[in-house]
Amino acid sequence: MTPETLAEKVLSATRTVFADLGLDTAVLPDKTAVERPRNPEHGDYASNIALQVAKKAGANPRELAAGIAAKLAETDGVSKADIAGPGFLNITLDAAAAGEIAGRVIAAGTAYGYNTSMEGVNANLEFVSANPTGPIHAGGTRWAAMGDALARVMRASGAKVTSEYYVNDAGAQIDHFAASLLARAKDEPTPENGYVGAYIDEIAADVLKRRPEALEADDALDIFRTVGLELMLDDIKATLADFGTHFDVFFSEKSLHDKGELEVAVDRLAKLGHVYEADGATWLRTTTFGDDKDRVLKNSKGAWTYFASDCAYYLDKRERGFGKLVFMLGADHHGYVGRMQAISQAFGDEPGTMEILIGQFVNLLRDGEPIRLSKRAGNVVTLNDIVDAVGIDATRYALTRYSADSTIDLDIDLWTKHSSDNPVYYVQYAHARISGVLRNAAERSAERGGAYDASLLTHPREVDLALALAEFPAVVAAAADLREPHRVARYAEDLAAAYHRFQHDCRILPYPDEEFTETGRARLWLADATRVVIANSLAMLGVSAPERM
């Protein structure tokens, strides 16, 4: 029995009690939920529905809970329902109801955990979006892992998600990038505000390989700008692909200018009454919508600002049909939240149309000391530096294991350990351990077969593991709804721990001189179901599930 199924039974029992007592059922919620109590002695699940609705119905909560408990005790799959405190319900499932989850998991396979909680949502999820003037740094690496994981859990929850990388290929930073490449190609000093690092030398050399005549051309700077940007983007795309991060769209900021979308956006805002002229510049009155000051759209020299591009980009997304826009920004972008939300409201959109997630910094450590410099980028730690140090799986897991608003100290010594101290190793080892059990079972002809007796799974470790498996769809739904993929990682660790306890206390395969029992068969189903859920959890984080370690 899943928590969702039990919650429906609790609500059904409550409706029956209301009808018996002549209470107004209109006060009842459309849905309710059950939770796992911290103390296993309090049952498998708990519900506070009696406390929620008693006052509205004019009933005593403990008496109402007693009536609901009595109805639940008559329900298939419920062993008992007790009352605690002022009206809490503690519910214990019978063994068959708890253990049957293994069959559900195996039947669903890779689809187990998928749910419909975000069905109908059409979301644009933008993340990383680092300037295409250098390799992806540590902060961008965090979003590359977390953004990709968030896209996965949102899709698993029924949302249609387009993952997007916004290429800032217009503006002064691209001019500085091109000038830096040209200077290095001429073996000249880096210009003021230029970019340094071995990668600049590499790209400058590659530009000359493609365009040997570039240095002598009248439009040399334009050549280095165009070809250099293409090469840098190719490098970024290859790095992200190797890291397992997929983008559906790479959107060019320059295309907004080329298509006249800035003019369209500002005209739309003007017609809505939010644009004005002052000091020779064009402004958007963002203070109307809570921003700390109004923002310039076109400066006194007649040049569009980056903020005007933001407005056009927002409108472009909405015109493409996205009803939910999620922006994942770095720790240095806190000041953008107010102005970005003001753009959404200025266009007349409802609160919540735009969401902005701010991620904190990543510190790479070795022997407890920070690692600051990259061999290639010169002054930052890059995605490739982190991957070279700890590997793709460990990097992705480490960066999705924590909430976005927490700073991460990524300790190389910890994340490369082959021990239970390393969270990703601990979870992957559980999957490999189960895979080993299944191989041993096949070698000894102890096949799990096509059916099992769920009522045989009565050991507390078996029940705990079964209940943990049943929680997975709700964990995925919460991770998607709250934009917190780290919930999946923490769940995977708890599930791995539950499995290790189960295998320690519950023998699955017989000794060589013993026969394979039906209890062993039921345990094999439970183990295989756990393997499926661990693999599905890791897949949602973009992490592999090895069969041998």
Protein backbone atom coordinates (compact mmCIF):
# COMPACT_ATOMS: atom_id res chain seq x y z
CA MET A 1 0.00 0.00 0.00
CA THR A 2 1.38 3.40 -0.94
CA PRO A 3 1.08 6.47 1.32
CA GLU A 4 -1.26 7.98 -1.28
CA THR A 5 -3.55 4.95 -1.17
CA LEU A 6 -3.61 4.97 2.63
CA ALA A 7 -4.34 8.71 2.65
CA GLU A 8 -7.36 8.07 0.43
CA LYS A 9 -8.54 5.40 2.85
CA VAL A 10 -8.15 7.80 5.78
CA LEU A 11 -10.22 10.43 3.97
CA SER A 12 -12.85 7.86 3.01
CA ALA A 13 -13.11 6.69 6.63
CA THR A 14 -13.45 10.31 7.76
CA ARG A 15 -16.26 10.93 5.29
CA THR A 16 -18.08 7.87 6.61
CA VAL A 17 -17.74 9.03 10.21
CA PHE A 18 -19.00 12.50 9.27
CA ALA A 19 -22.03 10.96 7.60
CA ASP A 20 -22.72 8.73 10.63
CA LEU A 21 -22.50 11.72 12.98
CA GLY A 22 -24.48 14.06 10.74
CA LEU A 23 -21.54 16.46 10.38
CA ASP A 24 -21.06 18.80 7.43
CA THR A 25 -18.73 17.08 4.93
CA ALA A 26 -18.12 20.41 3.18
CA VAL A 27 -15.40 21.15 5.75
CA LEU A 28 -13.39 18.13 4.63
CA PRO A 29 -10.40 18.66 2.32
CA ASP A 30 -10.31 17.22 -1.18
CA LYS A 31 -7.07 15.46 -0.32
CA THR A 32 -5.12 14.55 2.78
CA ALA A 33 -1.74 13.03 3.50
CA VAL A 34 -0.11 10.61 5.91
CA GLU A 35 3.41 10.78 7.29
CA ARG A 36 5.94 8.34 8.63
CA PRO A 37 6.30 8.86 12.41
CA ARG A 38 9.82 9.32 13.72
CA ASN A 39 9.28 6.59 16.32
CA PRO A 40 8.44 3.23 14.65
CA GLU A 41 6.62 2.20 17.84
CA HIS A 42 3.93 4.73 16.91
CA GLY A 43 2.96 2.75 13.83
CA ASP A 44 3.77 2.87 10.13
CA TYR A 45 1.95 6.12 9.34
CA ALA A 46 0.32 9.01 11.17
CA SER A 47 -2.53 11.35 10.28
CA ASN A 48 -3.76 14.56 11.91
CA ILE A 49 -6.98 14.84 9.90
CA ALA A 50 -9.17 14.75 13.01
CA LEU A 51 -7.31 17.75 14.44
CA GLN A 52 -7.58 19.57 11.11
CA VAL A 53 -11.34 19.34 10.72
CA ALA A 54 -12.83 18.86 14.21
CA LYS A 55 -13.14 22.55 15.10
CA LYS A 56 -14.71 23.41 11.74
CA ALA A 57 -17.23 20.59 12.19
CA GLY A 58 -17.96 21.43 15.83
CA ALA A 59 -16.69 18.04 17.03
CA ASN A 60 -14.29 16.85 19.71
CA PRO A 61 -11.05 15.94 17.90
CA ARG A 62 -10.22 12.90 20.03
CA GLU A 63 -13.74 11.52 19.72
CA LEU A 64 -13.65 12.15 15.98
CA ALA A 65 -10.28 10.37 15.76
CA ALA A 66 -11.75 7.40 17.65
CA GLY A 67 -14.50 7.04 15.07
CA ILE A 68 -12.02 7.30 12.17
CA ALA A 69 -9.72 4.75 13.84
CA ALA A 70 -12.57 2.30 14.18
CA LYS A 71 -13.44 2.60 10.49
CA LEU A 72 -9.81 2.27 9.46
CA ALA A 73 -9.42 -0.90 11.52
CA GLU A 74 -12.08 -2.47 9.28
CA THR A 75 -10.18 -1.45 6.12
CA ASP A 76 -8.25 -3.98 4.06
CA GLY A 77 -4.53 -3.62 4.56
CA VAL A 78 -4.77 -1.88 7.95
CA SER A 79 -3.75 -3.95 10.94
CA LYS A 80 -4.70 -1.38 13.57
CA ALA A 81 -5.30 2.33 14.13
CA ASP A 82 -4.59 3.94 17.50
CA ILE A 83 -5.29 7.40 18.89
CA ALA A 84 -2.54 9.52 20.40
CA GLY A 85 -2.60 12.82 22.20
CA PRO A 86 -5.47 15.18 21.40
CA GLY A 87 -6.48 13.31 18.24
CA PHE A 88 -3.57 12.00 16.19
CA LEU A 89 -4.06 8.73 14.34
CA ASN A 90 -1.26 6.16 14.35
CA ILE A 91 -1.82 3.54 11.68
CA THR A 92 -0.14 0.15 11.30
CA LEU A 93 -0.41 -1.79 8.05
CA ASP A 94 -0.63 -5.56 7.89
CA ALA A 95 2.41 -7.34 6.46
CA ALA A 96 0.85 -8.06 3.07
CA ALA A 97 -0.20 -4.44 2.57
CA ALA A 98 3.30 -3.22 3.36
CA GLY A 99 5.17 -5.91 1.44
CA GLU A 100 3.15 -5.73 -1.76
CA ILE A 101 5.02 -2.56 -2.71
CA ALA A 102 7.89 -4.72 -3.98
CA GLY A 103 5.66 -6.10 -6.72
CA ARG A 104 4.48 -2.62 -7.66
CA VAL A 105 8.03 -1.36 -7.94
CA ILE A 106 9.26 -4.22 -10.09
CA ALA A 107 6.23 -3.99 -12.35
CA ALA A 108 6.81 -0.27 -12.89
CA GLY A 109 10.57 -0.61 -13.30
CA THR A 110 12.27 2.59 -14.44
CA ALA A 111 8.90 4.40 -14.32
CA TYR A 112 8.53 3.88 -10.55
CA GLY A 113 8.63 7.23 -8.83
CA TYR A 114 7.00 9.04 -11.73
CA ASN A 115 3.83 10.92 -10.73
CA THR A 116 1.38 13.48 -12.08
CA SER A 117 1.73 16.20 -9.46
CA MET A 118 2.92 18.77 -12.05
CA GLU A 119 0.82 17.61 -14.95
CA GLY A 120 -0.18 20.50 -17.22
CA VAL A 121 2.81 22.68 -16.28
CA ASN A 122 4.83 23.95 -19.24
CA ALA A 123 8.08 25.23 -17.77
CA ASN A 124 11.20 26.89 -19.10
CA LEU A 125 14.13 26.11 -16.82
CA GLU A 126 17.20 28.25 -17.42
CA PHE A 127 20.45 27.42 -15.67
CA VAL A 128 24.25 27.76 -15.93
CA SER A 129 24.10 30.49 -18.66
CA ALA A 130 27.72 31.42 -17.96
CA ASN A 131 29.22 34.10 -20.20
CA PRO A 132 30.76 32.38 -23.23
CA THR A 133 34.10 34.00 -22.50
CA GLY A 134 35.70 31.16 -20.58
CA PRO A 135 35.25 27.62 -19.19
CA ILE A 136 32.40 26.87 -16.79
CA HIS A 137 33.51 27.70 -13.24
CA ALA A 138 32.63 25.99 -9.96
CA GLY A 139 29.40 27.97 -9.44
CA GLY A 140 28.22 27.10 -12.93
CA THR A 141 29.14 23.48 -12.23
CA ARG A 142 26.73 23.46 -9.31
CA TRP A 143 23.89 24.61 -11.55
CA ALA A 144 24.92 22.16 -14.26
CA ALA A 145 24.31 19.35 -11.78
CA MET A 146 21.38 20.77 -9.84
CA GLY A 147 19.57 22.32 -12.81
CA ASP A 148 19.75 19.10 -14.77
CA ALA A 149 18.51 17.13 -11.74
CA LEU A 150 15.65 19.59 -11.23
CA ALA A 151 14.62 19.20 -14.87
CA ARG A 152 14.57 15.43 -14.38
CA VAL A 153 12.41 15.44 -11.23
CA MET A 154 10.01 17.98 -12.72
CA ARG A 155 9.60 15.82 -15.84
CA ALA A 156 9.16 12.76 -13.60
CA SER A 157 6.33 14.66 -11.91
CA GLY A 158 4.48 15.25 -15.17
CA ALA A 159 5.73 18.71 -16.14
CA LYS A 160 6.80 19.59 -19.65
CA VAL A 161 10.23 21.13 -19.15
CA THR A 162 12.48 22.90 -21.66
CA SER A 163 16.00 23.27 -20.31
CA GLU A 164 17.66 26.40 -21.66
CA TYR A 165 21.09 28.03 -21.69
CA TYR A 166 21.08 31.78 -22.29
CA VAL A 167 24.15 32.71 -24.30
CA ASN A 168 25.28 36.25 -23.43
CA ASP A 169 26.79 36.85 -26.87
CA ALA A 170 26.03 40.57 -27.02
CA GLY A 171 27.71 43.33 -25.06
CA ALA A 172 31.05 44.56 -23.87
CA GLN A 173 32.24 41.22 -22.45
CA ILE A 174 32.28 39.72 -25.95
CA ASP A 175 34.28 42.68 -27.25
CA HIS A 176 36.82 42.19 -24.45
CA PHE A 177 36.94 38.46 -25.23
CA ALA A 178 37.60 39.08 -28.93
CA ALA A 179 40.26 41.68 -28.15
CA SER A 180 41.97 39.23 -25.78
CA LEU A 181 42.07 36.53 -28.45
CA LEU A 182 43.46 38.91 -31.07
CA ALA A 183 46.12 40.17 -28.66
CA ARG A 184 47.32 36.66 -27.83
CA ALA A 185 47.34 35.71 -31.53
CA LYS A 186 49.65 38.69 -32.10
CA ASP A 187 51.67 37.75 -28.99
CA GLU A 188 50.76 41.09 -27.45
CA PRO A 189 49.87 41.85 -23.80
CA THR A 190 46.30 41.22 -22.71
CA PRO A 191 44.28 44.45 -23.09
CA GLU A 192 42.63 46.19 -20.18
CA ASN A 193 39.52 44.28 -18.98
CA GLY A 194 40.70 41.33 -21.06
CA TYR A 195 40.63 37.62 -20.33
CA VAL A 196 43.63 35.51 -19.37
CA GLY A 197 44.41 31.84 -19.07
CA ALA A 198 45.73 29.01 -21.18
CA TYR A 199 42.32 28.63 -22.81
CA ILE A 200 42.69 32.08 -24.43
CA ASP A 201 45.94 30.95 -26.06
CA GLU A 202 44.27 27.70 -27.18
CA ILE A 203 41.27 29.41 -28.75
CA ALA A 204 43.39 32.10 -30.40
CA ALA A 205 45.51 29.35 -32.00
CA ASP A 206 42.38 27.48 -33.11
CA VAL A 207 40.96 30.63 -34.70
CA LEU A 208 44.12 30.91 -36.79
CA LYS A 209 43.87 27.26 -37.79
CA ARG A 210 40.39 27.92 -39.15
CA ARG A 211 41.16 31.34 -40.57
CA PRO A 212 44.91 31.59 -41.29
CA GLU A 213 44.38 34.98 -42.93
CA ALA A 214 42.69 36.49 -39.86
CA LEU A 215 45.64 38.52 -38.59
CA GLU A 216 46.05 40.32 -41.92
CA ALA A 217 42.35 40.92 -42.47
CA ASP A 218 40.80 44.38 -42.09
CA ASP A 219 38.05 42.82 -40.00
CA ALA A 220 40.42 40.78 -37.80
CA LEU A 221 38.61 41.69 -34.58
CA ASP A 222 35.25 40.59 -36.02
CA ILE A 223 36.77 37.28 -37.15
CA PHE A 224 38.20 36.60 -33.72
CA ARG A 225 34.86 37.59 -32.17
CA THR A 226 32.76 35.31 -34.39
CA VAL A 227 35.05 32.29 -34.62
CA GLY A 228 36.30 32.61 -31.04
CA LEU A 229 32.77 32.72 -29.67
CA GLU A 230 31.83 29.66 -31.72
CA LEU A 231 34.87 27.75 -30.43
CA MET A 232 34.22 28.76 -26.81
CA LEU A 233 30.58 27.69 -27.09
CA ASP A 234 31.62 24.38 -28.63
CA ASP A 235 33.95 23.88 -25.66
CA ILE A 236 31.18 24.71 -23.18
CA LYS A 237 28.67 22.43 -24.92
CA ALA A 238 31.16 19.55 -25.01
CA THR A 239 31.99 20.02 -21.34
CA LEU A 240 28.31 20.00 -20.36
CA ALA A 241 27.59 16.95 -22.54
CA ASP A 242 30.50 15.04 -20.99
CA PHE A 243 29.12 15.98 -17.58
CA GLY A 244 25.74 14.50 -18.52
CA THR A 245 23.90 17.84 -18.53
CA HIS A 246 21.47 18.27 -21.40
CA PHE A 247 20.05 21.50 -22.76
CA ASP A 248 17.11 21.57 -25.14
CA VAL A 249 17.87 25.14 -26.23
CA PHE A 250 20.95 27.38 -26.42
CA PHE A 251 19.35 30.82 -26.76
CA SER A 252 21.37 33.70 -28.21
CA GLU A 253 21.06 37.13 -26.60
CA LYS A 254 22.30 38.60 -29.88
CA SER A 255 19.27 37.12 -31.65
CA LEU A 256 17.03 39.38 -29.55
CA HIS A 257 18.83 42.41 -30.98
CA ASP A 258 18.92 41.04 -34.52
CA LYS A 259 15.19 40.31 -34.56
CA GLY A 260 14.19 43.66 -33.05
CA GLU A 261 12.73 42.00 -29.96
CA LEU A 262 14.03 44.68 -27.62
CA GLU A 263 11.96 47.29 -29.46
CA VAL A 264 8.92 45.01 -29.34
CA ALA A 265 9.28 44.41 -25.59
CA VAL A 266 9.75 48.06 -24.72
CA ASP A 267 6.83 49.06 -26.94
CA ARG A 268 4.65 46.51 -25.13
CA LEU A 269 5.73 47.89 -21.75
CA ALA A 270 5.12 51.46 -22.95
CA LYS A 271 1.57 50.61 -24.02
CA LEU A 272 1.03 49.16 -20.56
CA GLY A 273 2.01 52.56 -19.13
CA HIS A 274 5.28 51.61 -17.41
CA VAL A 275 7.89 53.36 -19.59
CA TYR A 276 8.98 56.99 -19.31
CA GLU A 277 11.73 59.33 -20.51
CA ALA A 278 14.08 61.19 -18.16
CA ASP A 279 17.62 62.62 -18.37
CA GLY A 280 17.80 61.67 -22.02
CA ALA A 281 17.25 57.97 -21.21
CA THR A 282 14.33 55.54 -21.45
CA TRP A 283 13.26 53.97 -18.15
CA LEU A 284 11.00 51.19 -16.87
CA ARG A 285 9.14 52.20 -13.73
CA THR A 286 10.02 49.04 -11.77
CA THR A 287 9.50 50.74 -8.39
CA THR A 288 5.77 50.34 -9.05
CA PHE A 289 6.35 46.63 -8.57
CA GLY A 290 8.58 46.69 -5.50
CA ASP A 291 12.01 47.22 -7.06
CA ASP A 292 14.35 49.52 -5.12
CA LYS A 293 14.81 51.88 -8.08
CA ASP A 294 13.63 52.32 -11.66
CA ARG A 295 15.75 50.70 -14.37
CA VAL A 296 17.22 52.13 -17.57
CA LEU A 297 16.16 50.46 -20.81
CA LYS A 298 18.10 52.72 -23.19
CA ASN A 299 20.80 55.04 -21.94
CA SER A 300 21.35 58.69 -22.86
CA LYS A 301 23.69 57.63 -25.69
CA GLY A 302 20.88 55.64 -27.29
CA ALA A 303 22.34 52.22 -26.43
CA TRP A 304 20.20 49.38 -25.14
CA THR A 305 21.03 48.17 -21.63
CA TYR A 306 21.39 44.59 -20.46
CA PHE A 307 18.14 45.12 -18.56
CA ALA A 308 16.34 45.79 -21.86
CA SER A 309 17.63 42.41 -23.06
CA ASP A 310 16.21 40.84 -19.89
CA CYS A 311 12.80 42.31 -20.69
CA ALA A 312 12.91 41.06 -24.27
CA TYR A 313 14.12 37.63 -23.20
CA TYR A 314 11.31 37.31 -20.65
CA LEU A 315 8.70 38.27 -23.24
CA ASP A 316 10.22 35.86 -25.76
CA LYS A 317 9.81 32.99 -23.31
CA ARG A 318 6.21 33.90 -22.60
CA GLU A 319 5.50 34.21 -26.33
CA ARG A 320 6.90 30.70 -26.78
CA GLY A 321 4.09 29.44 -24.56
CA PHE A 322 5.83 28.83 -21.26
CA GLY A 323 3.55 29.33 -18.28
CA LYS A 324 6.29 28.83 -15.68
CA LEU A 325 9.72 30.48 -15.97
CA VAL A 326 12.40 29.25 -13.59
CA PHE A 327 15.74 31.08 -13.51
CA MET A 328 18.65 29.56 -11.58
CA LEU A 329 21.16 32.31 -10.79
CA GLY A 330 24.48 32.48 -8.97
CA ALA A 331 25.13 33.89 -5.52
CA ASP A 332 26.24 37.22 -6.99
CA HIS A 333 22.80 37.78 -8.53
CA HIS A 334 20.76 38.53 -5.39
CA GLY A 335 20.21 42.06 -6.65
CA TYR A 336 18.52 40.74 -9.78
CA VAL A 337 15.53 39.23 -7.99
CA GLY A 338 13.56 42.43 -7.47
CA ARG A 339 14.12 43.80 -10.96
CA MET A 340 13.36 40.46 -12.63
CA GLN A 341 10.13 40.04 -10.68
CA ALA A 342 9.25 43.61 -11.65
CA ILE A 343 9.61 42.68 -15.33
CA SER A 344 7.12 39.85 -14.89
CA GLN A 345 4.57 42.04 -13.15
CA ALA A 346 5.06 44.92 -15.60
CA PHE A 347 4.03 42.59 -18.42
CA GLY A 348 0.88 41.80 -16.43
CA ASP A 349 1.74 38.26 -15.36
CA GLU A 350 0.50 36.68 -12.17
CA PRO A 351 2.84 36.27 -9.18
CA GLY A 352 4.52 32.91 -9.43
CA THR A 353 4.87 32.96 -13.20
CA MET A 354 8.57 33.65 -12.66
CA GLU A 355 10.68 31.87 -10.06
CA ILE A 356 14.26 32.80 -9.28
CA LEU A 357 16.50 30.36 -7.43
CA ILE A 358 19.77 31.69 -6.03
CA GLY A 359 22.61 29.25 -5.51
CA GLN A 360 25.45 29.73 -3.07
CA PHE A 361 29.17 29.28 -3.62
CA VAL A 362 31.14 26.06 -4.04
CA ASN A 363 34.53 25.77 -2.34
CA LEU A 364 36.82 23.00 -3.57
CA LEU A 365 39.04 21.67 -0.77
CA ARG A 366 41.99 19.31 -0.49
CA ASP A 367 43.41 18.44 2.93
CA GLY A 368 40.98 20.99 4.31
CA GLU A 369 42.51 23.83 2.31
CA PRO A 370 40.79 25.65 -0.58
CA ILE A 371 41.90 25.01 -4.15
CA ARG A 372 41.69 28.31 -6.00
CA LEU A 373 43.51 28.12 -9.30
CA SER A 374 42.82 26.25 -12.51
CA LYS A 375 45.60 25.06 -14.80
CA ARG A 376 43.55 26.14 -17.82
CA ALA A 377 41.45 29.10 -16.69
CA GLY A 378 44.20 30.64 -14.59
CA ASN A 379 42.16 32.32 -11.87
CA VAL A 380 39.12 30.10 -11.17
CA VAL A 381 38.25 26.47 -10.51
CA THR A 382 36.39 25.00 -13.48
CA LEU A 383 33.94 22.17 -14.02
CA ASN A 384 36.66 20.06 -15.59
CA ASP A 385 38.96 20.70 -12.62
CA ILE A 386 36.34 19.34 -10.24
CA VAL A 387 35.56 16.35 -12.43
CA ASP A 388 39.25 15.55 -12.83
CA ALA A 389 39.59 15.63 -9.04
CA VAL A 390 36.55 13.59 -7.94
CA GLY A 391 34.84 12.12 -11.04
CA ILE A 392 31.52 12.84 -12.72
CA ASP A 393 29.29 10.77 -10.42
CA ALA A 394 30.75 12.15 -7.22
CA THR A 395 30.65 15.73 -8.53
CA ARG A 396 27.04 15.53 -9.64
CA TYR A 397 25.94 13.84 -6.43
CA ALA A 398 27.90 16.20 -4.18
CA LEU A 399 26.45 19.28 -5.88
CA THR A 400 22.84 18.06 -5.78
CA ARG A 401 22.98 16.73 -2.22
CA TYR A 402 22.53 20.13 -0.60
CA SER A 403 19.86 22.79 -0.90
CA ALA A 404 20.71 25.60 -3.30
CA ASP A 405 20.85 28.21 -0.54
CA SER A 406 23.69 26.46 1.31
CA THR A 407 27.39 26.96 0.60
CA ILE A 408 29.17 23.74 -0.33
CA ASP A 409 32.66 22.78 0.81
CA LEU A 410 33.46 20.02 -1.67
CA ASP A 411 36.23 18.04 -0.02
CA ILE A 412 38.18 15.96 -2.56
CA ASP A 413 39.40 13.61 0.17
CA LEU A 414 35.83 12.76 1.22
CA TRP A 415 34.27 12.40 -2.24
CA THR A 416 36.99 10.08 -3.53
CA LYS A 417 36.85 7.70 -0.56
CA HIS A 418 35.71 4.12 -1.16
CA SER A 419 33.91 3.92 2.16
CA SER A 420 30.56 4.57 3.77
CA ASP A 421 31.79 8.06 4.71
CA ASN A 422 31.36 9.01 1.05
CA PRO A 423 27.60 9.43 0.44
CA VAL A 424 27.64 8.59 -3.28
CA TYR A 425 29.81 5.52 -2.69
CA TYR A 426 27.44 4.43 0.09
CA VAL A 427 24.38 4.60 -2.20
CA GLN A 428 26.10 3.09 -5.23
CA TYR A 429 27.51 0.30 -3.07
CA ALA A 430 23.98 -0.62 -1.96
CA HIS A 431 22.98 -1.00 -5.62
CA ALA A 432 26.08 -3.06 -6.39
CA ARG A 433 25.51 -5.21 -3.30
CA ILE A 434 21.95 -6.02 -4.36
CA SER A 435 23.13 -6.75 -7.90
CA GLY A 436 25.59 -9.21 -6.39
CA VAL A 437 22.81 -10.92 -4.44
CA LEU A 438 20.76 -11.27 -7.63
CA ARG A 439 23.73 -12.75 -9.49
CA ASN A 440 24.32 -15.24 -6.68
CA ALA A 441 20.63 -16.13 -6.68
CA ALA A 442 20.71 -16.85 -10.42
CA GLU A 443 23.84 -18.98 -10.08
CA ARG A 444 22.15 -21.04 -7.35
CA SER A 445 18.81 -21.28 -9.20
CA ALA A 446 17.14 -19.31 -6.44
CA GLU A 447 15.05 -17.25 -8.86
CA ARG A 448 12.52 -14.79 -7.52
CA GLY A 449 9.97 -16.06 -10.07
CA GLY A 450 6.79 -14.33 -11.10
CA ALA A 451 5.09 -14.01 -7.71
CA TYR A 452 5.75 -13.93 -3.97
CA ASP A 453 3.82 -14.01 -0.69
CA ALA A 454 3.95 -10.46 0.67
CA SER A 455 2.45 -11.58 3.99
CA LEU A 456 5.73 -13.33 4.82
CA LEU A 457 7.55 -9.99 5.09
CA THR A 458 6.91 -9.44 8.79
CA HIS A 459 10.39 -8.72 10.16
CA PRO A 460 10.73 -5.08 11.30
CA ARG A 461 13.62 -4.57 8.87
CA GLU A 462 11.48 -5.88 6.02
CA VAL A 463 8.60 -3.60 6.94
CA ASP A 464 10.90 -0.57 7.28
CA LEU A 465 12.40 -1.22 3.84
CA ALA A 466 8.99 -1.72 2.23
CA LEU A 467 7.66 1.50 3.71
CA ALA A 468 10.75 3.36 2.50
CA LEU A 469 10.17 2.10 -1.04
CA ALA A 470 6.58 3.33 -0.91
CA GLU A 471 7.76 6.87 -0.10
CA PHE A 472 9.71 7.40 -3.32
CA PRO A 473 6.96 8.89 -5.57
CA ALA A 474 6.07 11.43 -2.87
CA VAL A 475 9.75 12.34 -2.46
CA VAL A 476 10.06 12.98 -6.20
CA ALA A 477 6.88 15.07 -6.21
CA ALA A 478 8.12 17.16 -3.28
CA ALA A 479 11.54 17.62 -4.90
CA ALA A 480 9.84 18.92 -8.05
CA ASP A 481 7.28 21.10 -6.30
CA LEU A 482 9.80 22.71 -3.94
CA ARG A 483 12.57 22.85 -6.58
CA GLU A 484 14.78 20.82 -4.21
CA PRO A 485 16.38 17.85 -5.98
CA HIS A 486 18.60 17.30 -2.95
CA ARG A 487 15.60 15.56 -1.38
CA VAL A 488 16.12 12.68 -3.80
CA ALA A 489 19.77 12.33 -2.79
CA ARG A 490 18.98 12.29 0.92
CA TYR A 491 16.18 9.79 0.31
CA ALA A 492 18.59 7.52 -1.59
CA GLU A 493 20.96 7.54 1.38
CA ASP A 494 18.16 6.67 3.80
CA LEU A 495 16.99 3.89 1.49
CA ALA A 496 20.51 2.49 1.19
CA ALA A 497 20.80 2.49 4.97
CA ALA A 498 17.46 0.69 5.31
CA TYR A 499 18.65 -1.94 2.84
CA HIS A 500 21.97 -2.52 4.58
CA ARG A 501 20.10 -3.05 7.88
CA PHE A 502 17.67 -5.40 6.17
CA GLN A 503 20.38 -7.58 4.60
CA HIS A 504 22.28 -7.69 7.90
CA ASP A 505 19.28 -9.01 9.83
CA CYS A 506 17.32 -10.93 7.17
CA ARG A 507 19.06 -13.72 5.25
CA ILE A 508 17.93 -13.76 1.64
CA LEU A 509 19.66 -16.77 0.07
CA PRO A 510 19.91 -20.18 1.75
CA TYR A 511 23.11 -21.80 2.91
CA PRO A 512 24.50 -24.38 0.44
CA ASP A 513 22.82 -27.30 2.24
CA GLU A 514 19.45 -25.55 2.58
CA GLU A 515 16.47 -25.13 0.27
CA PHE A 516 15.31 -21.79 -1.03
CA THR A 517 12.23 -20.85 1.01
CA GLU A 518 9.20 -18.75 0.15
CA THR A 519 10.37 -16.23 2.74
CA GLY A 520 13.68 -16.03 0.89
CA ARG A 521 11.78 -15.53 -2.36
CA ALA A 522 9.76 -12.66 -0.85
CA ARG A 523 12.98 -11.10 0.42
CA LEU A 524 14.53 -11.43 -3.02
CA TRP A 525 11.60 -9.47 -4.45
CA LEU A 526 12.11 -6.82 -1.79
CA ALA A 527 15.83 -6.62 -2.54
CA ASP A 528 15.26 -6.38 -6.28
CA ALA A 529 12.67 -3.65 -5.76
CA THR A 530 15.20 -1.73 -3.69
CA ARG A 531 17.73 -2.05 -6.51
CA VAL A 532 15.18 -0.53 -8.91
CA VAL A 533 14.43 2.42 -6.63
CA ILE A 534 18.08 3.17 -5.90
CA ALA A 535 18.82 3.12 -9.65
CA ASN A 536 15.83 5.39 -10.31
CA SER A 537 16.94 7.79 -7.56
CA LEU A 538 20.46 8.02 -8.95
CA ALA A 539 19.14 8.43 -12.50
CA MET A 540 17.16 11.49 -11.40
CA LEU A 541 20.45 12.97 -10.19
CA GLY A 542 22.28 11.99 -13.37
CA VAL A 543 24.43 9.50 -11.46
CA SER A 544 25.20 5.94 -12.54
CA ALA A 545 24.11 2.82 -10.66
CA PRO A 546 27.01 0.33 -10.96
CA GLU A 547 26.38 -3.41 -10.64
CA ARG A 548 29.91 -4.07 -9.40
CA MET A 549 32.23 -1.97 -7.24
